[in-house]
Amino acid sequence: MSEGPGRFRVGDRVRVRTEVPNGNPRTPGYLRDMTGTVLLRHGIVDNPLDHHDAYPPLYSVVFELPDGRNPHDEVLADLHEEWLTDATDRDDDAAG
């Protein structure tokens, strides 16, 4: 587990923002406004072939998605910090 830079720690409850103007477009729409738990901290990821600047810190977040048949269904997603907010702060959305 990485202890690199970032706002959140392993075990923190986070909510995916509904939108982030100029944010990474790879955040799945079905996870927006969902609450999950930080499983891993990857820190800052450099990808000079895809992006000129370093991306914001990256986290692996697990979401419980019970569908009525299996209460243990989960989705694991890697999300950049710009898309995440503290799960207890419902007023913090599109603002960075």
PDB file of N, CA and C in Angstrom:
ATOM      1  N   MET A   1       0.830  -1.171   0.000  1.00  0.00           N
ATOM      2  CA  MET A   1       0.000   0.000   0.000  1.00  0.00           C
ATOM      3  C   MET A   1       0.879   1.240   0.000  1.00  0.00           C
ATOM      4  N   SER A   2       0.547   2.146  -0.841  1.00  0.00           N
ATOM      5  CA  SER A   2       1.343   3.350  -0.971  1.00  0.00           C
ATOM      6  C   SER A   2       1.034   4.337   0.143  1.00  0.00           C
ATOM      7  N   GLU A   3       2.071   4.997   0.616  1.00  0.00           N
ATOM      8  CA  GLU A   3       1.880   6.061   1.586  1.00  0.00           C
ATOM      9  C   GLU A   3       2.248   7.396   0.939  1.00  0.00           C
ATOM     10  N   GLY A   4       2.112   7.477  -0.371  1.00  0.00           N
ATOM     11  CA  GLY A   4       2.417   8.696  -1.090  1.00  0.00           C
ATOM     12  C   GLY A   4       1.426   9.795  -0.769  1.00  0.00           C
ATOM     13  N   PRO A   5       1.551  10.920  -1.472  1.00  0.00           N
ATOM     14  CA  PRO A   5       0.693  12.063  -1.192  1.00  0.00           C
ATOM     15  C   PRO A   5      -0.775  11.743  -1.461  1.00  0.00           C
ATOM     16  N   GLY A   6      -1.618  12.465  -0.776  1.00  0.00           N
ATOM     17  CA  GLY A   6      -3.048  12.298  -0.987  1.00  0.00           C
ATOM     18  C   GLY A   6      -3.838  12.670   0.243  1.00  0.00           C
ATOM     19  N   ARG A   7      -5.062  13.034   0.000  1.00  0.00           N
ATOM     20  CA  ARG A   7      -5.961  13.507   1.064  1.00  0.00           C
ATOM     21  C   ARG A   7      -6.533  12.369   1.897  1.00  0.00           C
ATOM     22  N   PHE A   8      -6.765  11.221   1.279  1.00  0.00           N
ATOM     23  CA  PHE A   8      -7.464  10.125   1.947  1.00  0.00           C
ATOM     24  C   PHE A   8      -6.514   9.003   2.343  1.00  0.00           C
ATOM     25  N   ARG A   9      -6.926   8.231   3.323  1.00  0.00           N
ATOM     26  CA  ARG A   9      -6.151   7.107   3.835  1.00  0.00           C
ATOM     27  C   ARG A   9      -6.941   5.820   3.648  1.00  0.00           C
ATOM     28  N   VAL A  10      -6.249   4.696   3.703  1.00  0.00           N
ATOM     29  CA  VAL A  10      -6.904   3.385   3.627  1.00  0.00           C
ATOM     30  C   VAL A  10      -7.947   3.303   4.739  1.00  0.00           C
ATOM     31  N   GLY A  11      -9.147   2.869   4.382  1.00  0.00           N
ATOM     32  CA  GLY A  11     -10.242   2.747   5.340  1.00  0.00           C
ATOM     33  C   GLY A  11     -11.183   3.939   5.365  1.00  0.00           C
ATOM     34  N   ASP A  12     -10.773   5.070   4.757  1.00  0.00           N
ATOM     35  CA  ASP A  12     -11.647   6.241   4.729  1.00  0.00           C
ATOM     36  C   ASP A  12     -12.870   5.977   3.862  1.00  0.00           C
ATOM     37  N   ARG A  13     -14.010   6.510   4.297  1.00  0.00           N
ATOM     38  CA  ARG A  13     -15.235   6.455   3.505  1.00  0.00           C
ATOM     39  C   ARG A  13     -15.275   7.688   2.615  1.00  0.00           C
ATOM     40  N   VAL A  14     -15.446   7.475   1.319  1.00  0.00           N
ATOM     41  CA  VAL A  14     -15.453   8.562   0.344  1.00  0.00           C
ATOM     42  C   VAL A  14     -16.695   8.470  -0.527  1.00  0.00           C
ATOM     43  N   ARG A  15     -17.059   9.624  -1.086  1.00  0.00           N
ATOM     44  CA  ARG A  15     -18.175   9.681  -2.032  1.00  0.00           C
ATOM     45  C   ARG A  15     -17.630  10.176  -3.360  1.00  0.00           C
ATOM     46  N   VAL A  16     -18.112   9.600  -4.444  1.00  0.00           N
ATOM     47  CA  VAL A  16     -17.719  10.029  -5.783  1.00  0.00           C
ATOM     48  C   VAL A  16     -18.577  11.242  -6.153  1.00  0.00           C
ATOM     49  N   ARG A  17     -17.916  12.301  -6.552  1.00  0.00           N
ATOM     50  CA  ARG A  17     -18.639  13.514  -6.959  1.00  0.00           C
ATOM     51  C   ARG A  17     -19.518  13.215  -8.165  1.00  0.00           C
ATOM     52  N   THR A  18     -20.558  14.023  -8.355  1.00  0.00           N
ATOM     53  CA  THR A  18     -21.434  13.823  -9.511  1.00  0.00           C
ATOM     54  C   THR A  18     -20.818  14.388 -10.784  1.00  0.00           C
ATOM     55  N   GLU A  19     -19.954  15.404 -10.633  1.00  0.00           N
ATOM     56  CA  GLU A  19     -19.225  15.925 -11.784  1.00  0.00           C
ATOM     57  C   GLU A  19     -18.000  16.681 -11.313  1.00  0.00           C
ATOM     58  N   VAL A  20     -17.022  16.748 -12.189  1.00  0.00           N
ATOM     59  CA  VAL A  20     -15.816  17.524 -11.938  1.00  0.00           C
ATOM     60  C   VAL A  20     -15.442  18.178 -13.264  1.00  0.00           C
ATOM     61  N   PRO A  21     -15.735  19.460 -13.404  1.00  0.00           N
ATOM     62  CA  PRO A  21     -15.361  20.129 -14.655  1.00  0.00           C
ATOM     63  C   PRO A  21     -13.865  19.964 -14.911  1.00  0.00           C
ATOM     64  N   ASN A  22     -13.527  19.563 -16.095  1.00  0.00           N
ATOM     65  CA  ASN A  22     -12.144  19.326 -16.510  1.00  0.00           C
ATOM     66  C   ASN A  22     -11.484  18.179 -15.752  1.00  0.00           C
ATOM     67  N   GLY A  23     -12.289  17.324 -15.123  1.00  0.00           N
ATOM     68  CA  GLY A  23     -11.752  16.176 -14.399  1.00  0.00           C
ATOM     69  C   GLY A  23     -11.496  15.009 -15.335  1.00  0.00           C
ATOM     70  N   ASN A  24     -10.841  13.994 -14.825  1.00  0.00           N
ATOM     71  CA  ASN A  24     -10.556  12.798 -15.610  1.00  0.00           C
ATOM     72  C   ASN A  24     -11.878  12.177 -16.069  1.00  0.00           C
ATOM     73  N   PRO A  25     -12.087  12.034 -17.365  1.00  0.00           N
ATOM     74  CA  PRO A  25     -13.372  11.527 -17.870  1.00  0.00           C
ATOM     75  C   PRO A  25     -13.562  10.021 -17.689  1.00  0.00           C
ATOM     76  N   ARG A  26     -12.578   9.336 -17.154  1.00  0.00           N
ATOM     77  CA  ARG A  26     -12.667   7.877 -17.049  1.00  0.00           C
ATOM     78  C   ARG A  26     -13.431   7.402 -15.816  1.00  0.00           C
ATOM     79  N   THR A  27     -13.955   8.310 -15.024  1.00  0.00           N
ATOM     80  CA  THR A  27     -14.731   7.914 -13.851  1.00  0.00           C
ATOM     81  C   THR A  27     -16.089   7.404 -14.316  1.00  0.00           C
ATOM     82  N   PRO A  28     -16.435   6.159 -13.976  1.00  0.00           N
ATOM     83  CA  PRO A  28     -17.708   5.594 -14.459  1.00  0.00           C
ATOM     84  C   PRO A  28     -18.923   6.353 -13.936  1.00  0.00           C
ATOM     85  N   GLY A  29     -19.853   6.612 -14.821  1.00  0.00           N
ATOM     86  CA  GLY A  29     -21.071   7.326 -14.449  1.00  0.00           C
ATOM     87  C   GLY A  29     -21.878   6.606 -13.390  1.00  0.00           C
ATOM     88  N   TYR A  30     -21.875   5.276 -13.411  1.00  0.00           N
ATOM     89  CA  TYR A  30     -22.688   4.522 -12.453  1.00  0.00           C
ATOM     90  C   TYR A  30     -22.143   4.589 -11.025  1.00  0.00           C
ATOM     91  N   LEU A  31     -20.916   5.100 -10.855  1.00  0.00           N
ATOM     92  CA  LEU A  31     -20.357   5.245  -9.509  1.00  0.00           C
ATOM     93  C   LEU A  31     -20.544   6.648  -8.944  1.00  0.00           C
ATOM     94  N   ARG A  32     -20.986   7.573  -9.770  1.00  0.00           N
ATOM     95  CA  ARG A  32     -21.135   8.948  -9.307  1.00  0.00           C
ATOM     96  C   ARG A  32     -22.203   9.041  -8.228  1.00  0.00           C
ATOM     97  N   ASP A  33     -21.867   9.741  -7.171  1.00  0.00           N
ATOM     98  CA  ASP A  33     -22.679   9.925  -5.964  1.00  0.00           C
ATOM     99  C   ASP A  33     -22.761   8.659  -5.116  1.00  0.00           C
ATOM    100  N   MET A  34     -21.956   7.663  -5.433  1.00  0.00           N
ATOM    101  CA  MET A  34     -21.902   6.443  -4.619  1.00  0.00           C
ATOM    102  C   MET A  34     -20.842   6.623  -3.527  1.00  0.00           C
ATOM    103  N   THR A  35     -21.040   5.899  -2.426  1.00  0.00           N
ATOM    104  CA  THR A  35     -20.101   5.929  -1.312  1.00  0.00           C
ATOM    105  C   THR A  35     -19.339   4.608  -1.257  1.00  0.00           C
ATOM    106  N   GLY A  36     -18.034   4.704  -1.047  1.00  0.00           N
ATOM    107  CA  GLY A  36     -17.199   3.513  -0.962  1.00  0.00           C
ATOM    108  C   GLY A  36     -16.105   3.696   0.073  1.00  0.00           C
ATOM    109  N   THR A  37     -15.216   2.712   0.147  1.00  0.00           N
ATOM    110  CA  THR A  37     -14.134   2.704   1.121  1.00  0.00           C
ATOM    111  C   THR A  37     -12.794   2.618   0.396  1.00  0.00           C
ATOM    112  N   VAL A  38     -11.855   3.478   0.778  1.00  0.00           N
ATOM    113  CA  VAL A  38     -10.518   3.451   0.182  1.00  0.00           C
ATOM    114  C   VAL A  38      -9.829   2.151   0.595  1.00  0.00           C
ATOM    115  N   LEU A  39      -9.411   1.389  -0.408  1.00  0.00           N
ATOM    116  CA  LEU A  39      -8.746   0.112  -0.176  1.00  0.00           C
ATOM    117  C   LEU A  39      -7.226   0.234  -0.333  1.00  0.00           C
ATOM    118  N   LEU A  40      -6.799   1.043  -1.315  1.00  0.00           N
ATOM    119  CA  LEU A  40      -5.369   1.261  -1.582  1.00  0.00           C
ATOM    120  C   LEU A  40      -5.126   2.715  -1.961  1.00  0.00           C
ATOM    121  N   ARG A  41      -3.954   3.209  -1.609  1.00  0.00           N
ATOM    122  CA  ARG A  41      -3.490   4.533  -2.039  1.00  0.00           C
ATOM    123  C   ARG A  41      -2.332   4.318  -2.999  1.00  0.00           C
ATOM    124  N   HIS A  42      -2.485   4.784  -4.229  1.00  0.00           N
ATOM    125  CA  HIS A  42      -1.422   4.621  -5.214  1.00  0.00           C
ATOM    126  C   HIS A  42      -0.533   5.850  -5.315  1.00  0.00           C
ATOM    127  N   GLY A  43      -0.981   6.959  -4.749  1.00  0.00           N
ATOM    128  CA  GLY A  43      -0.209   8.196  -4.837  1.00  0.00           C
ATOM    129  C   GLY A  43      -0.351   8.831  -6.209  1.00  0.00           C
ATOM    130  N   ILE A  44       0.614   9.652  -6.564  1.00  0.00           N
ATOM    131  CA  ILE A  44       0.581  10.363  -7.846  1.00  0.00           C
ATOM    132  C   ILE A  44       1.121   9.455  -8.934  1.00  0.00           C
ATOM    133  N   VAL A  45       0.408   9.421 -10.042  1.00  0.00           N
ATOM    134  CA  VAL A  45       0.775   8.560 -11.161  1.00  0.00           C
ATOM    135  C   VAL A  45       1.235   9.433 -12.325  1.00  0.00           C
ATOM    136  N   ASP A  46       2.448   9.214 -12.782  1.00  0.00           N
ATOM    137  CA  ASP A  46       2.956   9.913 -13.966  1.00  0.00           C
ATOM    138  C   ASP A  46       2.692   9.060 -15.193  1.00  0.00           C
ATOM    139  N   ASN A  47       2.176   9.691 -16.244  1.00  0.00           N
ATOM    140  CA  ASN A  47       1.929   8.998 -17.501  1.00  0.00           C
ATOM    141  C   ASN A  47       2.201   9.974 -18.641  1.00  0.00           C
ATOM    142  N   PRO A  48       3.467  10.210 -18.951  1.00  0.00           N
ATOM    143  CA  PRO A  48       3.802  11.229 -19.947  1.00  0.00           C
ATOM    144  C   PRO A  48       3.291  10.925 -21.348  1.00  0.00           C
ATOM    145  N   LEU A  49       2.987   9.683 -21.658  1.00  0.00           N
ATOM    146  CA  LEU A  49       2.455   9.361 -22.986  1.00  0.00           C
ATOM    147  C   LEU A  49       0.992   9.778 -23.127  1.00  0.00           C
ATOM    148  N   ASP A  50       0.288   9.873 -22.009  1.00  0.00           N
ATOM    149  CA  ASP A  50      -1.144  10.162 -22.034  1.00  0.00           C
ATOM    150  C   ASP A  50      -1.475  11.553 -21.502  1.00  0.00           C
ATOM    151  N   HIS A  51      -0.589  12.121 -20.685  1.00  0.00           N
ATOM    152  CA  HIS A  51      -0.918  13.341 -19.972  1.00  0.00           C
ATOM    153  C   HIS A  51       0.376  14.099 -19.682  1.00  0.00           C
ATOM    154  N   HIS A  52       0.417  15.379 -19.977  1.00  0.00           N
ATOM    155  CA  HIS A  52       1.653  16.149 -19.801  1.00  0.00           C
ATOM    156  C   HIS A  52       2.030  16.358 -18.339  1.00  0.00           C
ATOM    157  N   ASP A  53       1.043  16.536 -17.479  1.00  0.00           N
ATOM    158  CA  ASP A  53       1.293  16.750 -16.053  1.00  0.00           C
ATOM    159  C   ASP A  53       0.947  15.486 -15.286  1.00  0.00           C
ATOM    160  N   ALA A  54       1.429  15.408 -14.052  1.00  0.00           N
ATOM    161  CA  ALA A  54       1.069  14.269 -13.200  1.00  0.00           C
ATOM    162  C   ALA A  54      -0.422  14.331 -12.877  1.00  0.00           C
ATOM    163  N   TYR A  55      -1.050  13.191 -12.831  1.00  0.00           N
ATOM    164  CA  TYR A  55      -2.448  13.118 -12.427  1.00  0.00           C
ATOM    165  C   TYR A  55      -2.562  13.371 -10.925  1.00  0.00           C
ATOM    166  N   PRO A  56      -3.770  13.749 -10.445  1.00  0.00           N
ATOM    167  CA  PRO A  56      -3.974  13.821  -8.991  1.00  0.00           C
ATOM    168  C   PRO A  56      -3.784  12.425  -8.385  1.00  0.00           C
ATOM    169  N   PRO A  57      -3.586  12.346  -7.063  1.00  0.00           N
ATOM    170  CA  PRO A  57      -3.409  11.041  -6.416  1.00  0.00           C
ATOM    171  C   PRO A  57      -4.518  10.059  -6.809  1.00  0.00           C
ATOM    172  N   LEU A  58      -4.134   8.788  -6.926  1.00  0.00           N
ATOM    173  CA  LEU A  58      -5.040   7.724  -7.360  1.00  0.00           C
ATOM    174  C   LEU A  58      -5.318   6.775  -6.198  1.00  0.00           C
ATOM    175  N   TYR A  59      -6.572   6.342  -6.095  1.00  0.00           N
ATOM    176  CA  TYR A  59      -7.007   5.434  -5.035  1.00  0.00           C
ATOM    177  C   TYR A  59      -7.790   4.271  -5.635  1.00  0.00           C
ATOM    178  N   SER A  60      -7.679   3.099  -5.025  1.00  0.00           N
ATOM    179  CA  SER A  60      -8.587   1.988  -5.313  1.00  0.00           C
ATOM    180  C   SER A  60      -9.677   2.048  -4.259  1.00  0.00           C
ATOM    181  N   VAL A  61     -10.923   2.148  -4.725  1.00  0.00           N
ATOM    182  CA  VAL A  61     -12.071   2.299  -3.833  1.00  0.00           C
ATOM    183  C   VAL A  61     -13.022   1.135  -4.086  1.00  0.00           C
ATOM    184  N   VAL A  62     -13.493   0.508  -3.013  1.00  0.00           N
ATOM    185  CA  VAL A  62     -14.436  -0.600  -3.124  1.00  0.00           C
ATOM    186  C   VAL A  62     -15.836  -0.089  -2.775  1.00  0.00           C
ATOM    187  N   PHE A  63     -16.800  -0.479  -3.608  1.00  0.00           N
ATOM    188  CA  PHE A  63     -18.204  -0.088  -3.439  1.00  0.00           C
ATOM    189  C   PHE A  63     -19.040  -1.337  -3.263  1.00  0.00           C
ATOM    190  N   GLU A  64     -19.903  -1.337  -2.267  1.00  0.00           N
ATOM    191  CA  GLU A  64     -20.854  -2.435  -2.087  1.00  0.00           C
ATOM    192  C   GLU A  64     -22.046  -2.165  -2.994  1.00  0.00           C
ATOM    193  N   LEU A  65     -22.396  -3.138  -3.811  1.00  0.00           N
ATOM    194  CA  LEU A  65     -23.511  -3.002  -4.755  1.00  0.00           C
ATOM    195  C   LEU A  65     -24.471  -4.180  -4.631  1.00  0.00           C
ATOM    196  N   PRO A  66     -25.107  -4.355  -3.476  1.00  0.00           N
ATOM    197  CA  PRO A  66     -26.033  -5.478  -3.339  1.00  0.00           C
ATOM    198  C   PRO A  66     -27.195  -5.315  -4.320  1.00  0.00           C
ATOM    199  N   ASP A  67     -27.537  -6.392  -4.987  1.00  0.00           N
ATOM    200  CA  ASP A  67     -28.608  -6.323  -5.989  1.00  0.00           C
ATOM    201  C   ASP A  67     -29.870  -7.079  -5.552  1.00  0.00           C
ATOM    202  N   GLY A  68     -29.952  -7.427  -4.291  1.00  0.00           N
ATOM    203  CA  GLY A  68     -31.130  -8.155  -3.815  1.00  0.00           C
ATOM    204  C   GLY A  68     -30.932  -9.656  -3.844  1.00  0.00           C
ATOM    205  N   ARG A  69     -30.094 -10.150  -4.743  1.00  0.00           N
ATOM    206  CA  ARG A  69     -29.827 -11.588  -4.825  1.00  0.00           C
ATOM    207  C   ARG A  69     -28.580 -11.954  -4.044  1.00  0.00           C
ATOM    208  N   ASN A  70     -27.586 -11.057  -4.091  1.00  0.00           N
ATOM    209  CA  ASN A  70     -26.329 -11.321  -3.401  1.00  0.00           C
ATOM    210  C   ASN A  70     -25.908 -10.063  -2.643  1.00  0.00           C
ATOM    211  N   PRO A  71     -26.068 -10.044  -1.331  1.00  0.00           N
ATOM    212  CA  PRO A  71     -25.749  -8.833  -0.569  1.00  0.00           C
ATOM    213  C   PRO A  71     -24.258  -8.536  -0.487  1.00  0.00           C
ATOM    214  N   HIS A  72     -23.411  -9.373  -1.078  1.00  0.00           N
ATOM    215  CA  HIS A  72     -21.968  -9.187  -0.985  1.00  0.00           C
ATOM    216  C   HIS A  72     -21.331  -8.741  -2.306  1.00  0.00           C
ATOM    217  N   ASP A  73     -22.142  -8.314  -3.282  1.00  0.00           N
ATOM    218  CA  ASP A  73     -21.578  -7.838  -4.542  1.00  0.00           C
ATOM    219  C   ASP A  73     -20.804  -6.547  -4.317  1.00  0.00           C
ATOM    220  N   GLU A  74     -19.642  -6.462  -4.957  1.00  0.00           N
ATOM    221  CA  GLU A  74     -18.792  -5.290  -4.826  1.00  0.00           C
ATOM    222  C   GLU A  74     -18.203  -4.920  -6.181  1.00  0.00           C
ATOM    223  N   VAL A  75     -17.849  -3.656  -6.309  1.00  0.00           N
ATOM    224  CA  VAL A  75     -17.129  -3.153  -7.470  1.00  0.00           C
ATOM    225  C   VAL A  75     -15.891  -2.443  -6.944  1.00  0.00           C
ATOM    226  N   LEU A  76     -14.754  -2.702  -7.571  1.00  0.00           N
ATOM    227  CA  LEU A  76     -13.502  -2.037  -7.228  1.00  0.00           C
ATOM    228  C   LEU A  76     -13.146  -1.108  -8.375  1.00  0.00           C
ATOM    229  N   ALA A  77     -12.891   0.164  -8.067  1.00  0.00           N
ATOM    230  CA  ALA A  77     -12.563   1.141  -9.106  1.00  0.00           C
ATOM    231  C   ALA A  77     -11.362   1.963  -8.679  1.00  0.00           C
ATOM    232  N   ASP A  78     -10.510   2.297  -9.637  1.00  0.00           N
ATOM    233  CA  ASP A  78      -9.397   3.204  -9.398  1.00  0.00           C
ATOM    234  C   ASP A  78      -9.862   4.600  -9.794  1.00  0.00           C
ATOM    235  N   LEU A  79      -9.835   5.524  -8.820  1.00  0.00           N
ATOM    236  CA  LEU A  79     -10.359   6.870  -9.035  1.00  0.00           C
ATOM    237  C   LEU A  79      -9.349   7.908  -8.570  1.00  0.00           C
ATOM    238  N   HIS A  80      -9.269   8.995  -9.320  1.00  0.00           N
ATOM    239  CA  HIS A  80      -8.383  10.092  -8.944  1.00  0.00           C
ATOM    240  C   HIS A  80      -9.035  10.954  -7.871  1.00  0.00           C
ATOM    241  N   GLU A  81      -8.192  11.548  -7.034  1.00  0.00           N
ATOM    242  CA  GLU A  81      -8.653  12.328  -5.889  1.00  0.00           C
ATOM    243  C   GLU A  81      -9.625  13.448  -6.263  1.00  0.00           C
ATOM    244  N   GLU A  82      -9.462  14.029  -7.443  1.00  0.00           N
ATOM    245  CA  GLU A  82     -10.341  15.130  -7.837  1.00  0.00           C
ATOM    246  C   GLU A  82     -11.809  14.706  -7.879  1.00  0.00           C
ATOM    247  N   TRP A  83     -12.067  13.411  -8.013  1.00  0.00           N
ATOM    248  CA  TRP A  83     -13.430  12.888  -8.069  1.00  0.00           C
ATOM    249  C   TRP A  83     -13.962  12.490  -6.703  1.00  0.00           C
ATOM    250  N   LEU A  84     -13.150  12.531  -5.669  1.00  0.00           N
ATOM    251  CA  LEU A  84     -13.555  12.020  -4.361  1.00  0.00           C
ATOM    252  C   LEU A  84     -13.712  13.133  -3.336  1.00  0.00           C
ATOM    253  N   THR A  85     -14.655  12.936  -2.451  1.00  0.00           N
ATOM    254  CA  THR A  85     -14.858  13.828  -1.321  1.00  0.00           C
ATOM    255  C   THR A  85     -15.142  12.968  -0.098  1.00  0.00           C
ATOM    256  N   ASP A  86     -14.977  13.544   1.078  1.00  0.00           N
ATOM    257  CA  ASP A  86     -15.279  12.834   2.314  1.00  0.00           C
ATOM    258  C   ASP A  86     -16.758  12.443   2.289  1.00  0.00           C
ATOM    259  N   ALA A  87     -17.065  11.216   2.636  1.00  0.00           N
ATOM    260  CA  ALA A  87     -18.439  10.712   2.555  1.00  0.00           C
ATOM    261  C   ALA A  87     -19.391  11.473   3.460  1.00  0.00           C
ATOM    262  N   THR A  88     -18.885  12.115   4.480  1.00  0.00           N
ATOM    263  CA  THR A  88     -19.764  12.837   5.401  1.00  0.00           C
ATOM    264  C   THR A  88     -20.073  14.252   4.924  1.00  0.00           C
ATOM    265  N   ASP A  89     -19.379  14.725   3.894  1.00  0.00           N
ATOM    266  CA  ASP A  89     -19.573  16.092   3.408  1.00  0.00           C
ATOM    267  C   ASP A  89     -20.460  16.097   2.171  1.00  0.00           C
ATOM    268  N   ARG A  90     -21.762  16.208   2.372  1.00  0.00           N
ATOM    269  CA  ARG A  90     -22.724  16.159   1.259  1.00  0.00           C
ATOM    270  C   ARG A  90     -22.793  17.448   0.465  1.00  0.00           C
ATOM    271  N   ASP A  91     -22.209  18.552   0.959  1.00  0.00           N
ATOM    272  CA  ASP A  91     -22.288  19.825   0.245  1.00  0.00           C
ATOM    273  C   ASP A  91     -21.118  20.032  -0.705  1.00  0.00           C
ATOM    274  N   ASP A  92     -20.097  19.188  -0.627  1.00  0.00           N
ATOM    275  CA  ASP A  92     -18.887  19.349  -1.411  1.00  0.00           C
ATOM    276  C   ASP A  92     -19.018  18.508  -2.673  1.00  0.00           C
ATOM    277  N   ASP A  93     -19.344  19.150  -3.814  1.00  0.00           N
ATOM    278  CA  ASP A  93     -19.502  18.367  -5.032  1.00  0.00           C
ATOM    279  C   ASP A  93     -18.570  18.843  -6.124  1.00  0.00           C
ATOM    280  N   ALA A  94     -19.043  19.607  -7.071  1.00  0.00           N
ATOM    281  CA  ALA A  94     -18.253  19.939  -8.243  1.00  0.00           C
ATOM    282  C   ALA A  94     -17.069  20.838  -7.937  1.00  0.00           C
ATOM    283  N   ALA A  95     -17.058  21.498  -6.814  1.00  0.00           N
ATOM    284  CA  ALA A  95     -15.914  22.330  -6.472  1.00  0.00           C
ATOM    285  C   ALA A  95     -14.702  21.454  -6.196  1.00  0.00           C
ATOM    286  N   GLY A  96     -13.534  21.894  -6.601  1.00  0.00           N
ATOM    287  CA  GLY A  96     -12.315  21.118  -6.476  1.00  0.00           C
ATOM    288  C   GLY A  96     -11.841  21.044  -5.090  1.00  0.00           C
TER     289      GLY A  96
END
